């Protein structure tokens, strides 16, 4: 087989990556993932304040992220705490930030940018 024609990954792997990217493709889900990646140990009420969206909306998107294995949650007292479950997601967020910093050094993203109500819509 010609090297140029060889696939970089099996079809199953490509399908898995496509599904992950599809789930991450929603702007609110991406903002939630970025926030969780930088601010571990956040509960739903803290997350909906960070992204300036109603709690039911945030809960629905977190349920999708959890169902697809991108985040995990654990109960601590009376709170459900979220964290990144998939290393692919963390690496994707790191690359996204690196890309943003290279193109917009004066407006480099920081963890605070994800948790500020003013900037949550622009993530």
PDB file of N, CA and C in Angstrom:
ATOM      1  N   UNK A   1       0.840  -1.181   0.000  1.00  0.00           N
ATOM      2  CA  UNK A   1       0.000   0.000   0.000  1.00  0.00           C
ATOM      3  C   UNK A   1       0.883   1.241   0.000  1.00  0.00           C
ATOM      4  N   UNK A   2       0.529   2.213  -0.788  1.00  0.00           N
ATOM      5  CA  UNK A   2       1.231   3.480  -0.871  1.00  0.00           C
ATOM      6  C   UNK A   2       1.089   4.223   0.458  1.00  0.00           C
ATOM      7  N   UNK A   3       2.190   4.813   0.981  1.00  0.00           N
ATOM      8  CA  UNK A   3       2.151   5.547   2.251  1.00  0.00           C
ATOM      9  C   UNK A   3       1.155   6.694   2.205  1.00  0.00           C
ATOM     10  N   UNK A   4       1.044   7.369   1.069  1.00  0.00           N
ATOM     11  CA  UNK A   4       0.124   8.502   0.961  1.00  0.00           C
ATOM     12  C   UNK A   4      -1.320   8.049   1.078  1.00  0.00           C
ATOM     13  N   UNK A   5      -1.603   6.821   0.707  1.00  0.00           N
ATOM     14  CA  UNK A   5      -2.976   6.325   0.731  1.00  0.00           C
ATOM     15  C   UNK A   5      -3.341   5.669   2.063  1.00  0.00           C
ATOM     16  N   UNK A   6      -2.365   5.440   2.913  1.00  0.00           N
ATOM     17  CA  UNK A   6      -2.614   4.758   4.184  1.00  0.00           C
ATOM     18  C   UNK A   6      -3.351   5.690   5.147  1.00  0.00           C
ATOM     19  N   UNK A   7      -4.344   5.161   5.791  1.00  0.00           N
ATOM     20  CA  UNK A   7      -5.100   5.922   6.779  1.00  0.00           C
ATOM     21  C   UNK A   7      -4.244   6.150   8.015  1.00  0.00           C
ATOM     22  N   UNK A   8      -4.416   7.290   8.669  1.00  0.00           N
ATOM     23  CA  UNK A   8      -3.635   7.566   9.876  1.00  0.00           C
ATOM     24  C   UNK A   8      -4.176   6.816  11.086  1.00  0.00           C
ATOM     25  N   UNK A   9      -5.400   6.333  10.998  1.00  0.00           N
ATOM     26  CA  UNK A   9      -5.993   5.582  12.106  1.00  0.00           C
ATOM     27  C   UNK A   9      -7.087   4.680  11.561  1.00  0.00           C
ATOM     28  N   UNK A  10      -7.365   3.605  12.255  1.00  0.00           N
ATOM     29  CA  UNK A  10      -8.455   2.728  11.825  1.00  0.00           C
ATOM     30  C   UNK A  10      -9.788   3.473  11.821  1.00  0.00           C
ATOM     31  N   UNK A  11     -10.734   2.946  11.043  1.00  0.00           N
ATOM     32  CA  UNK A  11     -12.049   3.587  10.937  1.00  0.00           C
ATOM     33  C   UNK A  11     -12.709   3.766  12.291  1.00  0.00           C
ATOM     34  N   UNK A  12     -12.583   2.787  13.168  1.00  0.00           N
ATOM     35  CA  UNK A  12     -13.196   2.875  14.496  1.00  0.00           C
ATOM     36  C   UNK A  12     -12.637   4.061  15.272  1.00  0.00           C
ATOM     37  N   UNK A  13     -11.320   4.235  15.219  1.00  0.00           N
ATOM     38  CA  UNK A  13     -10.693   5.359  15.920  1.00  0.00           C
ATOM     39  C   UNK A  13     -11.175   6.682  15.342  1.00  0.00           C
ATOM     40  N   UNK A  14     -11.255   6.762  14.021  1.00  0.00           N
ATOM     41  CA  UNK A  14     -11.735   7.991  13.378  1.00  0.00           C
ATOM     42  C   UNK A  14     -13.166   8.286  13.790  1.00  0.00           C
ATOM     43  N   UNK A  15     -13.977   7.263  13.855  1.00  0.00           N
ATOM     44  CA  UNK A  15     -15.365   7.437  14.277  1.00  0.00           C
ATOM     45  C   UNK A  15     -15.436   7.932  15.722  1.00  0.00           C
ATOM     46  N   UNK A  16     -14.598   7.369  16.580  1.00  0.00           N
ATOM     47  CA  UNK A  16     -14.567   7.796  17.986  1.00  0.00           C
ATOM     48  C   UNK A  16     -14.153   9.259  18.109  1.00  0.00           C
ATOM     49  N   UNK A  17     -13.107   9.656  17.382  1.00  0.00           N
ATOM     50  CA  UNK A  17     -12.667  11.056  17.422  1.00  0.00           C
ATOM     51  C   UNK A  17     -13.736  11.986  16.863  1.00  0.00           C
ATOM     52  N   UNK A  18     -14.379  11.571  15.797  1.00  0.00           N
ATOM     53  CA  UNK A  18     -15.444  12.394  15.211  1.00  0.00           C
ATOM     54  C   UNK A  18     -16.569  12.615  16.212  1.00  0.00           C
ATOM     55  N   UNK A  19     -16.934  11.580  16.954  1.00  0.00           N
ATOM     56  CA  UNK A  19     -17.987  11.716  17.968  1.00  0.00           C
ATOM     57  C   UNK A  19     -17.566  12.673  19.082  1.00  0.00           C
ATOM     58  N   UNK A  20     -16.325  12.552  19.534  1.00  0.00           N
ATOM     59  CA  UNK A  20     -15.837  13.455  20.581  1.00  0.00           C
ATOM     60  C   UNK A  20     -15.857  14.902  20.103  1.00  0.00           C
ATOM     61  N   UNK A  21     -15.371  15.120  18.889  1.00  0.00           N
ATOM     62  CA  UNK A  21     -15.337  16.480  18.355  1.00  0.00           C
ATOM     63  C   UNK A  21     -16.736  17.034  18.143  1.00  0.00           C
ATOM     64  N   UNK A  22     -17.655  16.173  17.744  1.00  0.00           N
ATOM     65  CA  UNK A  22     -19.042  16.600  17.556  1.00  0.00           C
ATOM     66  C   UNK A  22     -19.633  17.075  18.879  1.00  0.00           C
ATOM     67  N   UNK A  23     -19.411  16.320  19.935  1.00  0.00           N
ATOM     68  CA  UNK A  23     -19.924  16.697  21.254  1.00  0.00           C
ATOM     69  C   UNK A  23     -19.266  17.998  21.723  1.00  0.00           C
ATOM     70  N   UNK A  24     -17.975  18.142  21.484  1.00  0.00           N
ATOM     71  CA  UNK A  24     -17.253  19.354  21.893  1.00  0.00           C
ATOM     72  C   UNK A  24     -17.611  20.558  21.029  1.00  0.00           C
ATOM     73  N   UNK A  25     -18.254  20.325  19.896  1.00  0.00           N
ATOM     74  CA  UNK A  25     -18.525  21.384  18.936  1.00  0.00           C
ATOM     75  C   UNK A  25     -19.562  22.404  19.359  1.00  0.00           C
ATOM     76  N   UNK A  26     -20.344  22.123  20.366  1.00  0.00           N
ATOM     77  CA  UNK A  26     -21.333  23.095  20.836  1.00  0.00           C
ATOM     78  C   UNK A  26     -20.608  24.149  21.682  1.00  0.00           C
ATOM     79  N   UNK A  27     -20.819  25.440  21.408  1.00  0.00           N
ATOM     80  CA  UNK A  27     -20.079  26.482  22.141  1.00  0.00           C
ATOM     81  C   UNK A  27     -20.230  26.411  23.662  1.00  0.00           C
ATOM     82  N   UNK A  28     -21.409  26.114  24.153  1.00  0.00           N
ATOM     83  CA  UNK A  28     -21.586  26.038  25.605  1.00  0.00           C
ATOM     84  C   UNK A  28     -20.855  24.826  26.178  1.00  0.00           C
ATOM     85  N   UNK A  29     -20.906  23.705  25.483  1.00  0.00           N
ATOM     86  CA  UNK A  29     -20.184  22.523  25.973  1.00  0.00           C
ATOM     87  C   UNK A  29     -18.688  22.779  25.988  1.00  0.00           C
ATOM     88  N   UNK A  30     -18.200  23.459  24.962  1.00  0.00           N
ATOM     89  CA  UNK A  30     -16.779  23.777  24.910  1.00  0.00           C
ATOM     90  C   UNK A  30     -16.402  24.714  26.057  1.00  0.00           C
ATOM     91  N   UNK A  31     -17.239  25.702  26.331  1.00  0.00           N
ATOM     92  CA  UNK A  31     -16.979  26.601  27.461  1.00  0.00           C
ATOM     93  C   UNK A  31     -16.984  25.834  28.780  1.00  0.00           C
ATOM     94  N   UNK A  32     -17.914  24.909  28.932  1.00  0.00           N
ATOM     95  CA  UNK A  32     -17.955  24.094  30.150  1.00  0.00           C
ATOM     96  C   UNK A  32     -16.694  23.245  30.281  1.00  0.00           C
ATOM     97  N   UNK A  33     -16.278  22.614  29.186  1.00  0.00           N
ATOM     98  CA  UNK A  33     -15.071  21.790  29.220  1.00  0.00           C
ATOM     99  C   UNK A  33     -13.844  22.623  29.580  1.00  0.00           C
ATOM    100  N   UNK A  34     -13.725  23.801  28.989  1.00  0.00           N
ATOM    101  CA  UNK A  34     -12.587  24.671  29.290  1.00  0.00           C
ATOM    102  C   UNK A  34     -12.600  25.096  30.752  1.00  0.00           C
ATOM    103  N   UNK A  35     -13.764  25.443  31.248  1.00  0.00           N
ATOM    104  CA  UNK A  35     -13.889  25.847  32.646  1.00  0.00           C
ATOM    105  C   UNK A  35     -13.517  24.700  33.575  1.00  0.00           C
ATOM    106  N   UNK A  36     -14.053  23.526  33.303  1.00  0.00           N
ATOM    107  CA  UNK A  36     -13.765  22.355  34.140  1.00  0.00           C
ATOM    108  C   UNK A  36     -12.278  21.999  34.081  1.00  0.00           C
ATOM    109  N   UNK A  37     -11.670  22.121  32.904  1.00  0.00           N
ATOM    110  CA  UNK A  37     -10.253  21.786  32.754  1.00  0.00           C
ATOM    111  C   UNK A  37      -9.369  22.674  33.624  1.00  0.00           C
ATOM    112  N   UNK A  38      -9.777  23.919  33.802  1.00  0.00           N
ATOM    113  CA  UNK A  38      -8.959  24.857  34.571  1.00  0.00           C
ATOM    114  C   UNK A  38      -9.380  24.995  36.021  1.00  0.00           C
ATOM    115  N   UNK A  39     -10.609  24.659  36.315  1.00  0.00           N
ATOM    116  CA  UNK A  39     -11.140  24.853  37.662  1.00  0.00           C
ATOM    117  C   UNK A  39     -11.761  23.549  38.144  1.00  0.00           C
ATOM    118  N   UNK A  40     -10.953  22.548  38.387  1.00  0.00           N
ATOM    119  CA  UNK A  40     -11.499  21.274  38.879  1.00  0.00           C
ATOM    120  C   UNK A  40     -12.306  21.496  40.142  1.00  0.00           C
ATOM    121  N   UNK A  41     -13.119  20.535  40.462  1.00  0.00           N
ATOM    122  CA  UNK A  41     -13.946  20.570  41.665  1.00  0.00           C
ATOM    123  C   UNK A  41     -15.010  21.660  41.618  1.00  0.00           C
ATOM    124  N   UNK A  42     -15.672  21.781  40.474  1.00  0.00           N
ATOM    125  CA  UNK A  42     -16.792  22.711  40.344  1.00  0.00           C
ATOM    126  C   UNK A  42     -18.095  21.934  40.311  1.00  0.00           C
ATOM    127  N   UNK A  43     -19.087  22.470  40.988  1.00  0.00           N
ATOM    128  CA  UNK A  43     -20.411  21.857  40.953  1.00  0.00           C
ATOM    129  C   UNK A  43     -21.277  22.599  39.933  1.00  0.00           C
ATOM    130  N   UNK A  44     -22.459  22.102  39.685  1.00  0.00           N
ATOM    131  CA  UNK A  44     -23.342  22.677  38.671  1.00  0.00           C
ATOM    132  C   UNK A  44     -23.613  24.150  38.941  1.00  0.00           C
ATOM    133  N   UNK A  45     -23.897  24.509  40.178  1.00  0.00           N
ATOM    134  CA  UNK A  45     -24.221  25.913  40.465  1.00  0.00           C
ATOM    135  C   UNK A  45     -23.039  26.828  40.165  1.00  0.00           C
ATOM    136  N   UNK A  46     -21.821  26.375  40.433  1.00  0.00           N
ATOM    137  CA  UNK A  46     -20.641  27.178  40.103  1.00  0.00           C
ATOM    138  C   UNK A  46     -20.445  27.249  38.595  1.00  0.00           C
ATOM    139  N   UNK A  47     -20.696  26.147  37.909  1.00  0.00           N
ATOM    140  CA  UNK A  47     -20.526  26.132  36.458  1.00  0.00           C
ATOM    141  C   UNK A  47     -21.528  27.035  35.759  1.00  0.00           C
ATOM    142  N   UNK A  48     -22.796  27.006  36.173  1.00  0.00           N
ATOM    143  CA  UNK A  48     -23.756  27.851  35.464  1.00  0.00           C
ATOM    144  C   UNK A  48     -23.489  29.317  35.716  1.00  0.00           C
ATOM    145  N   UNK A  49     -22.923  29.656  36.868  1.00  0.00           N
ATOM    146  CA  UNK A  49     -22.524  31.044  37.104  1.00  0.00           C
ATOM    147  C   UNK A  49     -21.347  31.426  36.212  1.00  0.00           C
ATOM    148  N   UNK A  50     -20.410  30.508  36.032  1.00  0.00           N
ATOM    149  CA  UNK A  50     -19.233  30.775  35.201  1.00  0.00           C
ATOM    150  C   UNK A  50     -19.602  31.047  33.750  1.00  0.00           C
ATOM    151  N   UNK A  51     -20.523  30.284  33.220  1.00  0.00           N
ATOM    152  CA  UNK A  51     -20.865  30.421  31.799  1.00  0.00           C
ATOM    153  C   UNK A  51     -22.100  31.277  31.577  1.00  0.00           C
ATOM    154  N   UNK A  52     -22.669  31.802  32.660  1.00  0.00           N
ATOM    155  CA  UNK A  52     -23.794  32.733  32.586  1.00  0.00           C
ATOM    156  C   UNK A  52     -24.969  32.160  31.797  1.00  0.00           C
ATOM    157  N   UNK A  53     -25.328  30.937  32.148  1.00  0.00           N
ATOM    158  CA  UNK A  53     -26.461  30.253  31.518  1.00  0.00           C
ATOM    159  C   UNK A  53     -27.354  29.688  32.620  1.00  0.00           C
ATOM    160  N   UNK A  54     -28.637  29.478  32.333  1.00  0.00           N
ATOM    161  CA  UNK A  54     -29.534  28.906  33.344  1.00  0.00           C
ATOM    162  C   UNK A  54     -29.085  27.503  33.772  1.00  0.00           C
ATOM    163  N   UNK A  55     -29.320  27.188  35.030  1.00  0.00           N
ATOM    164  CA  UNK A  55     -28.906  25.906  35.582  1.00  0.00           C
ATOM    165  C   UNK A  55     -29.449  24.716  34.799  1.00  0.00           C
ATOM    166  N   UNK A  56     -30.731  24.701  34.393  1.00  0.00           N
ATOM    167  CA  UNK A  56     -31.215  23.532  33.644  1.00  0.00           C
ATOM    168  C   UNK A  56     -30.475  23.319  32.318  1.00  0.00           C
ATOM    169  N   UNK A  57     -30.116  24.410  31.666  1.00  0.00           N
ATOM    170  CA  UNK A  57     -29.385  24.308  30.391  1.00  0.00           C
ATOM    171  C   UNK A  57     -28.004  23.707  30.632  1.00  0.00           C
ATOM    172  N   UNK A  58     -27.316  24.206  31.642  1.00  0.00           N
ATOM    173  CA  UNK A  58     -25.982  23.694  31.973  1.00  0.00           C
ATOM    174  C   UNK A  58     -26.066  22.222  32.364  1.00  0.00           C
ATOM    175  N   UNK A  59     -27.052  21.868  33.157  1.00  0.00           N
ATOM    176  CA  UNK A  59     -27.220  20.467  33.566  1.00  0.00           C
ATOM    177  C   UNK A  59     -27.437  19.548  32.371  1.00  0.00           C
ATOM    178  N   UNK A  60     -28.228  19.995  31.407  1.00  0.00           N
ATOM    179  CA  UNK A  60     -28.466  19.179  30.203  1.00  0.00           C
ATOM    180  C   UNK A  60     -27.176  18.955  29.429  1.00  0.00           C
ATOM    181  N   UNK A  61     -26.376  20.014  29.277  1.00  0.00           N
ATOM    182  CA  UNK A  61     -25.123  19.876  28.534  1.00  0.00           C
ATOM    183  C   UNK A  61     -24.109  19.027  29.301  1.00  0.00           C
ATOM    184  N   UNK A  62     -24.072  19.164  30.617  1.00  0.00           N
ATOM    185  CA  UNK A  62     -23.189  18.312  31.420  1.00  0.00           C
ATOM    186  C   UNK A  62     -23.590  16.846  31.301  1.00  0.00           C
ATOM    187  N   UNK A  63     -24.884  16.589  31.227  1.00  0.00           N
ATOM    188  CA  UNK A  63     -25.359  15.206  31.071  1.00  0.00           C
ATOM    189  C   UNK A  63     -24.868  14.610  29.759  1.00  0.00           C
ATOM    190  N   UNK A  64     -24.881  15.402  28.689  1.00  0.00           N
ATOM    191  CA  UNK A  64     -24.375  14.927  27.392  1.00  0.00           C
ATOM    192  C   UNK A  64     -22.880  14.647  27.494  1.00  0.00           C
ATOM    193  N   UNK A  65     -22.131  15.574  28.080  1.00  0.00           N
ATOM    194  CA  UNK A  65     -20.684  15.390  28.224  1.00  0.00           C
ATOM    195  C   UNK A  65     -20.356  14.158  29.065  1.00  0.00           C
ATOM    196  N   UNK A  66     -21.133  13.928  30.094  1.00  0.00           N
ATOM    197  CA  UNK A  66     -20.910  12.756  30.949  1.00  0.00           C
ATOM    198  C   UNK A  66     -21.287  11.474  30.217  1.00  0.00           C
ATOM    199  N   UNK A  67     -22.420  11.491  29.526  1.00  0.00           N
ATOM    200  CA  UNK A  67     -22.872  10.308  28.776  1.00  0.00           C
ATOM    201  C   UNK A  67     -21.841   9.880  27.739  1.00  0.00           C
ATOM    202  N   UNK A  68     -21.170  10.849  27.126  1.00  0.00           N
ATOM    203  CA  UNK A  68     -20.171  10.550  26.097  1.00  0.00           C
ATOM    204  C   UNK A  68     -18.787  10.289  26.683  1.00  0.00           C
ATOM    205  N   UNK A  69     -18.654  10.343  28.009  1.00  0.00           N
ATOM    206  CA  UNK A  69     -17.391  10.008  28.657  1.00  0.00           C
ATOM    207  C   UNK A  69     -16.352  11.108  28.660  1.00  0.00           C
ATOM    208  N   UNK A  70     -16.757  12.341  28.370  1.00  0.00           N
ATOM    209  CA  UNK A  70     -15.788  13.436  28.336  1.00  0.00           C
ATOM    210  C   UNK A  70     -15.563  14.044  29.713  1.00  0.00           C
ATOM    211  N   UNK A  71     -16.587  13.994  30.561  1.00  0.00           N
ATOM    212  CA  UNK A  71     -16.442  14.433  31.943  1.00  0.00           C
ATOM    213  C   UNK A  71     -16.931  13.323  32.864  1.00  0.00           C
ATOM    214  N   UNK A  72     -16.527  13.421  34.102  1.00  0.00           N
ATOM    215  CA  UNK A  72     -17.028  12.503  35.126  1.00  0.00           C
ATOM    216  C   UNK A  72     -17.471  13.352  36.307  1.00  0.00           C
ATOM    217  N   UNK A  73     -18.268  12.752  37.151  1.00  0.00           N
ATOM    218  CA  UNK A  73     -18.714  13.482  38.335  1.00  0.00           C
ATOM    219  C   UNK A  73     -18.656  12.564  39.541  1.00  0.00           C
ATOM    220  N   UNK A  74     -18.528  13.185  40.685  1.00  0.00           N
ATOM    221  CA  UNK A  74     -18.590  12.438  41.935  1.00  0.00           C
ATOM    222  C   UNK A  74     -19.353  13.283  42.939  1.00  0.00           C
ATOM    223  N   UNK A  75     -20.048  12.607  43.803  1.00  0.00           N
ATOM    224  CA  UNK A  75     -20.830  13.294  44.822  1.00  0.00           C
ATOM    225  C   UNK A  75     -19.930  13.566  46.020  1.00  0.00           C
ATOM    226  N   UNK A  76     -19.908  14.827  46.424  1.00  0.00           N
ATOM    227  CA  UNK A  76     -19.178  15.243  47.627  1.00  0.00           C
ATOM    228  C   UNK A  76     -20.173  15.993  48.507  1.00  0.00           C
ATOM    229  N   UNK A  77     -20.619  15.342  49.536  1.00  0.00           N
ATOM    230  CA  UNK A  77     -21.654  15.934  50.382  1.00  0.00           C
ATOM    231  C   UNK A  77     -22.955  16.006  49.605  1.00  0.00           C
ATOM    232  N   UNK A  78     -23.483  17.214  49.472  1.00  0.00           N
ATOM    233  CA  UNK A  78     -24.719  17.383  48.706  1.00  0.00           C
ATOM    234  C   UNK A  78     -24.465  17.980  47.326  1.00  0.00           C
ATOM    235  N   UNK A  79     -23.211  17.943  46.867  1.00  0.00           N
ATOM    236  CA  UNK A  79     -22.851  18.507  45.563  1.00  0.00           C
ATOM    237  C   UNK A  79     -22.312  17.424  44.636  1.00  0.00           C
ATOM    238  N   UNK A  80     -22.548  17.612  43.353  1.00  0.00           N
ATOM    239  CA  UNK A  80     -21.965  16.756  42.327  1.00  0.00           C
ATOM    240  C   UNK A  80     -20.837  17.565  41.693  1.00  0.00           C
ATOM    241  N   UNK A  81     -19.618  17.059  41.809  1.00  0.00           N
ATOM    242  CA  UNK A  81     -18.421  17.760  41.357  1.00  0.00           C
ATOM    243  C   UNK A  81     -17.961  17.162  40.027  1.00  0.00           C
ATOM    244  N   UNK A  82     -17.642  18.035  39.056  1.00  0.00           N
ATOM    245  CA  UNK A  82     -17.275  17.597  37.710  1.00  0.00           C
ATOM    246  C   UNK A  82     -15.785  17.760  37.453  1.00  0.00           C
ATOM    247  N   UNK A  83     -15.233  16.826  36.663  1.00  0.00           N
ATOM    248  CA  UNK A  83     -13.844  16.893  36.217  1.00  0.00           C
ATOM    249  C   UNK A  83     -13.744  16.267  34.830  1.00  0.00           C
ATOM    250  N   UNK A  84     -12.642  16.562  34.146  1.00  0.00           N
ATOM    251  CA  UNK A  84     -12.404  16.017  32.807  1.00  0.00           C
ATOM    252  C   UNK A  84     -12.083  14.530  32.946  1.00  0.00           C
ATOM    253  N   UNK A  85     -12.755  13.702  32.162  1.00  0.00           N
ATOM    254  CA  UNK A  85     -12.548  12.250  32.214  1.00  0.00           C
ATOM    255  C   UNK A  85     -11.668  11.752  31.080  1.00  0.00           C
ATOM    256  N   UNK A  86     -11.613  12.484  29.983  1.00  0.00           N
ATOM    257  CA  UNK A  86     -10.928  12.018  28.781  1.00  0.00           C
ATOM    258  C   UNK A  86      -9.675  12.862  28.537  1.00  0.00           C
ATOM    259  N   UNK A  87      -8.485  12.252  28.556  1.00  0.00           N
ATOM    260  CA  UNK A  87      -7.250  13.003  28.315  1.00  0.00           C
ATOM    261  C   UNK A  87      -7.247  13.723  26.964  1.00  0.00           C
ATOM    262  N   UNK A  88      -7.939  13.167  25.977  1.00  0.00           N
ATOM    263  CA  UNK A  88      -8.044  13.812  24.664  1.00  0.00           C
ATOM    264  C   UNK A  88      -8.619  15.216  24.808  1.00  0.00           C
ATOM    265  N   UNK A  89      -9.618  15.369  25.654  1.00  0.00           N
ATOM    266  CA  UNK A  89     -10.269  16.669  25.848  1.00  0.00           C
ATOM    267  C   UNK A  89      -9.289  17.668  26.450  1.00  0.00           C
ATOM    268  N   UNK A  90      -8.547  17.257  27.464  1.00  0.00           N
ATOM    269  CA  UNK A  90      -7.570  18.150  28.094  1.00  0.00           C
ATOM    270  C   UNK A  90      -6.519  18.584  27.086  1.00  0.00           C
ATOM    271  N   UNK A  91      -6.018  17.654  26.296  1.00  0.00           N
ATOM    272  CA  UNK A  91      -5.018  17.995  25.284  1.00  0.00           C
ATOM    273  C   UNK A  91      -5.602  18.917  24.227  1.00  0.00           C
ATOM    274  N   UNK A  92      -6.846  18.682  23.828  1.00  0.00           N
ATOM    275  CA  UNK A  92      -7.508  19.528  22.840  1.00  0.00           C
ATOM    276  C   UNK A  92      -7.630  20.959  23.368  1.00  0.00           C
ATOM    277  N   UNK A  93      -8.013  21.107  24.625  1.00  0.00           N
ATOM    278  CA  UNK A  93      -8.148  22.435  25.226  1.00  0.00           C
ATOM    279  C   UNK A  93      -6.788  23.122  25.303  1.00  0.00           C
ATOM    280  N   UNK A  94      -5.753  22.380  25.684  1.00  0.00           N
ATOM    281  CA  UNK A  94      -4.403  22.945  25.733  1.00  0.00           C
ATOM    282  C   UNK A  94      -3.966  23.434  24.356  1.00  0.00           C
ATOM    283  N   UNK A  95      -4.230  22.645  23.315  1.00  0.00           N
ATOM    284  CA  UNK A  95      -3.876  23.051  21.951  1.00  0.00           C
ATOM    285  C   UNK A  95      -4.687  24.260  21.499  1.00  0.00           C
ATOM    286  N   UNK A  96      -5.943  24.305  21.852  1.00  0.00           N
ATOM    287  CA  UNK A  96      -6.800  25.428  21.497  1.00  0.00           C
ATOM    288  C   UNK A  96      -6.262  26.716  22.125  1.00  0.00           C
ATOM    289  N   UNK A  97      -5.861  26.638  23.386  1.00  0.00           N
ATOM    290  CA  UNK A  97      -5.315  27.810  24.060  1.00  0.00           C
ATOM    291  C   UNK A  97      -3.984  28.237  23.450  1.00  0.00           C
ATOM    292  N   UNK A  98      -3.141  27.272  23.130  1.00  0.00           N
ATOM    293  CA  UNK A  98      -1.857  27.583  22.503  1.00  0.00           C
ATOM    294  C   UNK A  98      -2.084  28.274  21.163  1.00  0.00           C
ATOM    295  N   UNK A  99      -3.020  27.775  20.382  1.00  0.00           N
ATOM    296  CA  UNK A  99      -3.350  28.387  19.100  1.00  0.00           C
ATOM    297  C   UNK A  99      -3.855  29.816  19.295  1.00  0.00           C
ATOM    298  N   UNK A 100      -4.733  30.014  20.267  1.00  0.00           N
ATOM    299  CA  UNK A 100      -5.279  31.347  20.522  1.00  0.00           C
ATOM    300  C   UNK A 100      -4.173  32.316  20.930  1.00  0.00           C
ATOM    301  N   UNK A 101      -3.281  31.880  21.822  1.00  0.00           N
ATOM    302  CA  UNK A 101      -2.179  32.744  22.260  1.00  0.00           C
ATOM    303  C   UNK A 101      -1.265  33.117  21.106  1.00  0.00           C
ATOM    304  N   UNK A 102      -1.036  32.195  20.172  1.00  0.00           N
ATOM    305  CA  UNK A 102      -0.143  32.496  19.051  1.00  0.00           C
ATOM    306  C   UNK A 102      -0.755  33.518  18.097  1.00  0.00           C
ATOM    307  N   UNK A 103      -2.068  33.537  18.011  1.00  0.00           N
ATOM    308  CA  UNK A 103      -2.749  34.463  17.100  1.00  0.00           C
ATOM    309  C   UNK A 103      -3.164  35.764  17.772  1.00  0.00           C
ATOM    310  N   UNK A 104      -3.389  35.709  19.069  1.00  0.00           N
ATOM    311  CA  UNK A 104      -3.894  36.870  19.805  1.00  0.00           C
ATOM    312  C   UNK A 104      -3.146  37.018  21.129  1.00  0.00           C
ATOM    313  N   UNK A 105      -1.842  37.324  21.074  1.00  0.00           N
ATOM    314  CA  UNK A 105      -1.067  37.350  22.319  1.00  0.00           C
ATOM    315  C   UNK A 105      -1.578  38.371  23.335  1.00  0.00           C
ATOM    316  N   UNK A 106      -2.160  39.459  22.875  1.00  0.00           N
ATOM    317  CA  UNK A 106      -2.654  40.480  23.804  1.00  0.00           C
ATOM    318  C   UNK A 106      -3.923  40.035  24.521  1.00  0.00           C
ATOM    319  N   UNK A 107      -4.599  39.036  23.976  1.00  0.00           N
ATOM    320  CA  UNK A 107      -5.845  38.568  24.588  1.00  0.00           C
ATOM    321  C   UNK A 107      -5.751  37.087  24.931  1.00  0.00           C
ATOM    322  N   UNK A 108      -4.565  36.669  25.334  1.00  0.00           N
ATOM    323  CA  UNK A 108      -4.366  35.256  25.657  1.00  0.00           C
ATOM    324  C   UNK A 108      -5.389  34.798  26.684  1.00  0.00           C
ATOM    325  N   UNK A 109      -5.929  33.622  26.446  1.00  0.00           N
ATOM    326  CA  UNK A 109      -6.918  33.060  27.354  1.00  0.00           C
ATOM    327  C   UNK A 109      -6.244  32.586  28.628  1.00  0.00           C
ATOM    328  N   UNK A 110      -6.957  32.697  29.702  1.00  0.00           N
ATOM    329  CA  UNK A 110      -6.478  32.221  30.995  1.00  0.00           C
ATOM    330  C   UNK A 110      -7.637  31.539  31.690  1.00  0.00           C
ATOM    331  N   UNK A 111      -7.373  30.812  32.756  1.00  0.00           N
ATOM    332  CA  UNK A 111      -8.492  30.197  33.478  1.00  0.00           C
ATOM    333  C   UNK A 111      -9.535  31.224  33.893  1.00  0.00           C
ATOM    334  N   UNK A 112      -9.102  32.421  34.242  1.00  0.00           N
ATOM    335  CA  UNK A 112     -10.039  33.458  34.645  1.00  0.00           C
ATOM    336  C   UNK A 112     -10.970  33.852  33.501  1.00  0.00           C
ATOM    337  N   UNK A 113     -10.494  33.772  32.264  1.00  0.00           N
ATOM    338  CA  UNK A 113     -11.336  34.129  31.121  1.00  0.00           C
ATOM    339  C   UNK A 113     -12.529  33.199  31.015  1.00  0.00           C
ATOM    340  N   UNK A 114     -12.355  31.944  31.379  1.00  0.00           N
ATOM    341  CA  UNK A 114     -13.449  30.986  31.297  1.00  0.00           C
ATOM    342  C   UNK A 114     -14.462  31.179  32.407  1.00  0.00           C
ATOM    343  N   UNK A 115     -14.009  31.718  33.524  1.00  0.00           N
ATOM    344  CA  UNK A 115     -14.903  31.826  34.666  1.00  0.00           C
ATOM    345  C   UNK A 115     -15.443  33.231  34.867  1.00  0.00           C
ATOM    346  N   UNK A 116     -15.166  34.116  33.932  1.00  0.00           N
ATOM    347  CA  UNK A 116     -15.704  35.466  34.007  1.00  0.00           C
ATOM    348  C   UNK A 116     -17.002  35.533  33.226  1.00  0.00           C
ATOM    349  N   UNK A 117     -18.053  36.028  33.832  1.00  0.00           N
ATOM    350  CA  UNK A 117     -19.337  36.145  33.134  1.00  0.00           C
ATOM    351  C   UNK A 117     -19.226  37.026  31.903  1.00  0.00           C
ATOM    352  N   UNK A 118     -18.323  37.991  31.923  1.00  0.00           N
ATOM    353  CA  UNK A 118     -18.181  38.898  30.787  1.00  0.00           C
ATOM    354  C   UNK A 118     -17.597  38.193  29.577  1.00  0.00           C
ATOM    355  N   UNK A 119     -16.700  37.239  29.790  1.00  0.00           N
ATOM    356  CA  UNK A 119     -16.025  36.608  28.660  1.00  0.00           C
ATOM    357  C   UNK A 119     -16.556  35.228  28.328  1.00  0.00           C
ATOM    358  N   UNK A 120     -17.463  34.688  29.111  1.00  0.00           N
ATOM    359  CA  UNK A 120     -17.937  33.317  28.882  1.00  0.00           C
ATOM    360  C   UNK A 120     -18.570  33.163  27.516  1.00  0.00           C
ATOM    361  N   UNK A 121     -19.229  34.185  27.024  1.00  0.00           N
ATOM    362  CA  UNK A 121     -19.870  34.090  25.720  1.00  0.00           C
ATOM    363  C   UNK A 121     -18.894  34.110  24.575  1.00  0.00           C
ATOM    364  N   UNK A 122     -17.658  34.589  24.832  1.00  0.00           N
ATOM    365  CA  UNK A 122     -16.689  34.696  23.749  1.00  0.00           C
ATOM    366  C   UNK A 122     -15.731  33.529  23.700  1.00  0.00           C
ATOM    367  N   UNK A 123     -15.899  32.567  24.582  1.00  0.00           N
ATOM    368  CA  UNK A 123     -15.001  31.402  24.609  1.00  0.00           C
ATOM    369  C   UNK A 123     -15.257  30.533  23.413  1.00  0.00           C
TER     370      UNK A 123
END
